[in-house]
C-alpha atoms as a PDB file:
ATOM      1  CA  MET A   1     -11.560 -28.732  22.910  1.00  0.00           C
ATOM      2  CA  PRO A   2      -7.983 -27.633  22.170  1.00  0.00           C
ATOM      3  CA  TYR A   3      -6.856 -24.020  22.242  1.00  0.00           C
ATOM      4  CA  PHE A   4      -4.013 -22.513  20.272  1.00  0.00           C
ATOM      5  CA  VAL A   5      -1.580 -19.716  21.023  1.00  0.00           C
ATOM      6  CA  TYR A   6      -0.227 -18.251  17.802  1.00  0.00           C
ATOM      7  CA  ILE A   7       2.119 -15.581  16.525  1.00  0.00           C
ATOM      8  CA  LEU A   8       1.463 -13.721  13.278  1.00  0.00           C
ATOM      9  CA  GLU A   9       3.851 -11.551  11.338  1.00  0.00           C
ATOM     10  CA  CYS A  10       2.199  -8.341  10.176  1.00  0.00           C
ATOM     11  CA  GLY A  11       2.884  -6.027   7.246  1.00  0.00           C
ATOM     12  CA  ASN A  12       4.710  -3.525   9.438  1.00  0.00           C
ATOM     13  CA  ASN A  13       7.093  -6.347  10.526  1.00  0.00           C
ATOM     14  CA  SER A  14       5.475  -6.558  13.985  1.00  0.00           C
ATOM     15  CA  LEU A  15       4.512  -9.801  15.718  1.00  0.00           C
ATOM     16  CA  TYR A  16       0.933 -10.277  16.915  1.00  0.00           C
ATOM     17  CA  THR A  17       0.154 -12.930  19.545  1.00  0.00           C
ATOM     18  CA  GLY A  18      -3.330 -14.342  20.115  1.00  0.00           C
ATOM     19  CA  ILE A  19      -5.365 -17.392  21.142  1.00  0.00           C
ATOM     20  CA  THR A  20      -8.186 -19.306  19.485  1.00  0.00           C
ATOM     21  CA  SER A  21     -10.043 -22.604  19.628  1.00  0.00           C
ATOM     22  CA  ASP A  22     -10.138 -22.860  15.805  1.00  0.00           C
ATOM     23  CA  LEU A  23      -6.800 -21.957  14.242  1.00  0.00           C
ATOM     24  CA  ASP A  24      -7.901 -22.312  10.597  1.00  0.00           C
ATOM     25  CA  ARG A  25     -10.966 -20.114  11.054  1.00  0.00           C
ATOM     26  CA  ARG A  26      -9.002 -17.492  12.995  1.00  0.00           C
ATOM     27  CA  MET A  27      -6.265 -17.306  10.355  1.00  0.00           C
ATOM     28  CA  LYS A  28      -8.881 -16.793   7.643  1.00  0.00           C
ATOM     29  CA  GLU A  29     -10.345 -13.942   9.704  1.00  0.00           C
ATOM     30  CA  HIS A  30      -6.954 -12.299  10.232  1.00  0.00           C
ATOM     31  CA  PHE A  31      -5.862 -12.655   6.606  1.00  0.00           C
ATOM     32  CA  SER A  32      -9.168 -11.285   5.308  1.00  0.00           C
ATOM     33  CA  GLY A  33      -8.807  -8.185   7.511  1.00  0.00           C
ATOM     34  CA  LYS A  34     -11.623  -9.176   9.883  1.00  0.00           C
ATOM     35  CA  GLY A  35      -9.557 -10.760  12.670  1.00  0.00           C
ATOM     36  CA  CYS A  36      -9.061  -7.806  14.984  1.00  0.00           C
ATOM     37  CA  LYS A  37      -8.334  -4.095  14.830  1.00  0.00           C
ATOM     38  CA  TYR A  38      -4.551  -4.578  15.039  1.00  0.00           C
ATOM     39  CA  THR A  39      -4.229  -7.097  12.208  1.00  0.00           C
ATOM     40  CA  SER A  40      -6.768  -5.169  10.151  1.00  0.00           C
ATOM     41  CA  SER A  41      -4.599  -2.066  10.476  1.00  0.00           C
ATOM     42  CA  PHE A  42      -1.228  -3.733   9.980  1.00  0.00           C
ATOM     43  CA  LYS A  43      -2.277  -6.579   7.630  1.00  0.00           C
ATOM     44  CA  ALA A  44      -1.524 -10.055   8.905  1.00  0.00           C
ATOM     45  CA  GLN A  45       0.990 -11.582   6.489  1.00  0.00           C
ATOM     46  CA  LYS A  46       2.019 -14.986   7.799  1.00  0.00           C
ATOM     47  CA  LEU A  47       1.402 -17.442  10.615  1.00  0.00           C
ATOM     48  CA  ARG A  48       4.842 -17.800  12.174  1.00  0.00           C
ATOM     49  CA  TYR A  49       4.176 -20.041  15.187  1.00  0.00           C
ATOM     50  CA  ALA A  50       1.453 -21.983  17.025  1.00  0.00           C
ATOM     51  CA  GLU A  51       1.205 -24.105  20.165  1.00  0.00           C
ATOM     52  CA  GLU A  52      -1.732 -26.288  21.248  1.00  0.00           C
ATOM     53  CA  TYR A  53      -3.131 -26.463  24.788  1.00  0.00           C
ATOM     54  CA  ASP A  54      -5.826 -28.575  26.409  1.00  0.00           C
ATOM     55  CA  THR A  55      -7.585 -25.705  28.196  1.00  0.00           C
ATOM     56  CA  ARG A  56      -8.355 -22.057  27.598  1.00  0.00           C
ATOM     57  CA  SER A  57      -6.722 -21.221  30.920  1.00  0.00           C
ATOM     58  CA  GLN A  58      -3.399 -22.757  29.850  1.00  0.00           C
ATOM     59  CA  ALA A  59      -3.513 -20.958  26.504  1.00  0.00           C
ATOM     60  CA  THR A  60      -4.403 -17.618  28.105  1.00  0.00           C
ATOM     61  CA  LYS A  61      -1.495 -17.879  30.541  1.00  0.00           C
ATOM     62  CA  ARG A  62       0.923 -18.730  27.729  1.00  0.00           C
ATOM     63  CA  GLU A  63      -0.395 -15.898  25.551  1.00  0.00           C
ATOM     64  CA  ALA A  64       0.184 -13.408  28.380  1.00  0.00           C
ATOM     65  CA  GLN A  65       3.682 -14.786  28.919  1.00  0.00           C
ATOM     66  CA  ILE A  66       4.632 -14.466  25.248  1.00  0.00           C
ATOM     67  CA  LYS A  67       3.113 -10.977  24.982  1.00  0.00           C
ATOM     68  CA  GLY A  68       5.447  -9.886  27.770  1.00  0.00           C
ATOM     69  CA  TRP A  69       8.531 -11.024  25.870  1.00  0.00           C
ATOM     70  CA  THR A  70      10.822  -8.926  23.727  1.00  0.00           C
ATOM     71  CA  ARG A  71      10.732  -9.264  19.959  1.00  0.00           C
ATOM     72  CA  THR A  72      14.099 -11.044  20.117  1.00  0.00           C
ATOM     73  CA  LYS A  73      12.757 -13.679  22.485  1.00  0.00           C
ATOM     74  CA  LYS A  74       9.633 -14.194  20.345  1.00  0.00           C
ATOM     75  CA  LEU A  75      11.796 -14.661  17.246  1.00  0.00           C
ATOM     76  CA  ALA A  76      13.918 -17.207  19.128  1.00  0.00           C
ATOM     77  CA  LEU A  77      10.743 -19.136  19.983  1.00  0.00           C
ATOM     78  CA  ILE A  78       9.649 -19.018  16.351  1.00  0.00           C
ATOM     79  CA  LYS A  79      13.043 -20.282  15.216  1.00  0.00           C
ATOM     80  CA  GLY A  80      12.840 -23.150  17.693  1.00  0.00           C
ATOM     81  CA  HIS A  81      15.459 -21.913  20.110  1.00  0.00           C
ATOM     82  CA  ARG A  82      13.328 -21.921  23.222  1.00  0.00           C
ATOM     83  CA  ARG A  83      14.669 -19.935  26.106  1.00  0.00           C
ATOM     84  CA  LYS A  84      13.726 -20.331  29.727  1.00  0.00           C
ATOM     85  CA  ALA A  85      10.438 -18.514  30.334  1.00  0.00           C
ATOM     86  CA  THR A  86      10.645 -15.581  32.715  1.00  0.00           C
END
């Protein structure tokens, strides 16, 4: 079963990073206000980025890595200008 790491843009212009095994279902949850407390509060607006992984472990590690990045680095990833992961 594949897992996805994704980045959402929220109504307050923040970027939310998460993981899921069903990207379509999870986006419907976020956009309906039932995804999680953060996206319910700040209204998920748009899926900006997603990556697919073979295992939950890989996806969880990548999610943690991205969450540790600055907004600038996340935006560079979204725009396709990958930088060396640190």
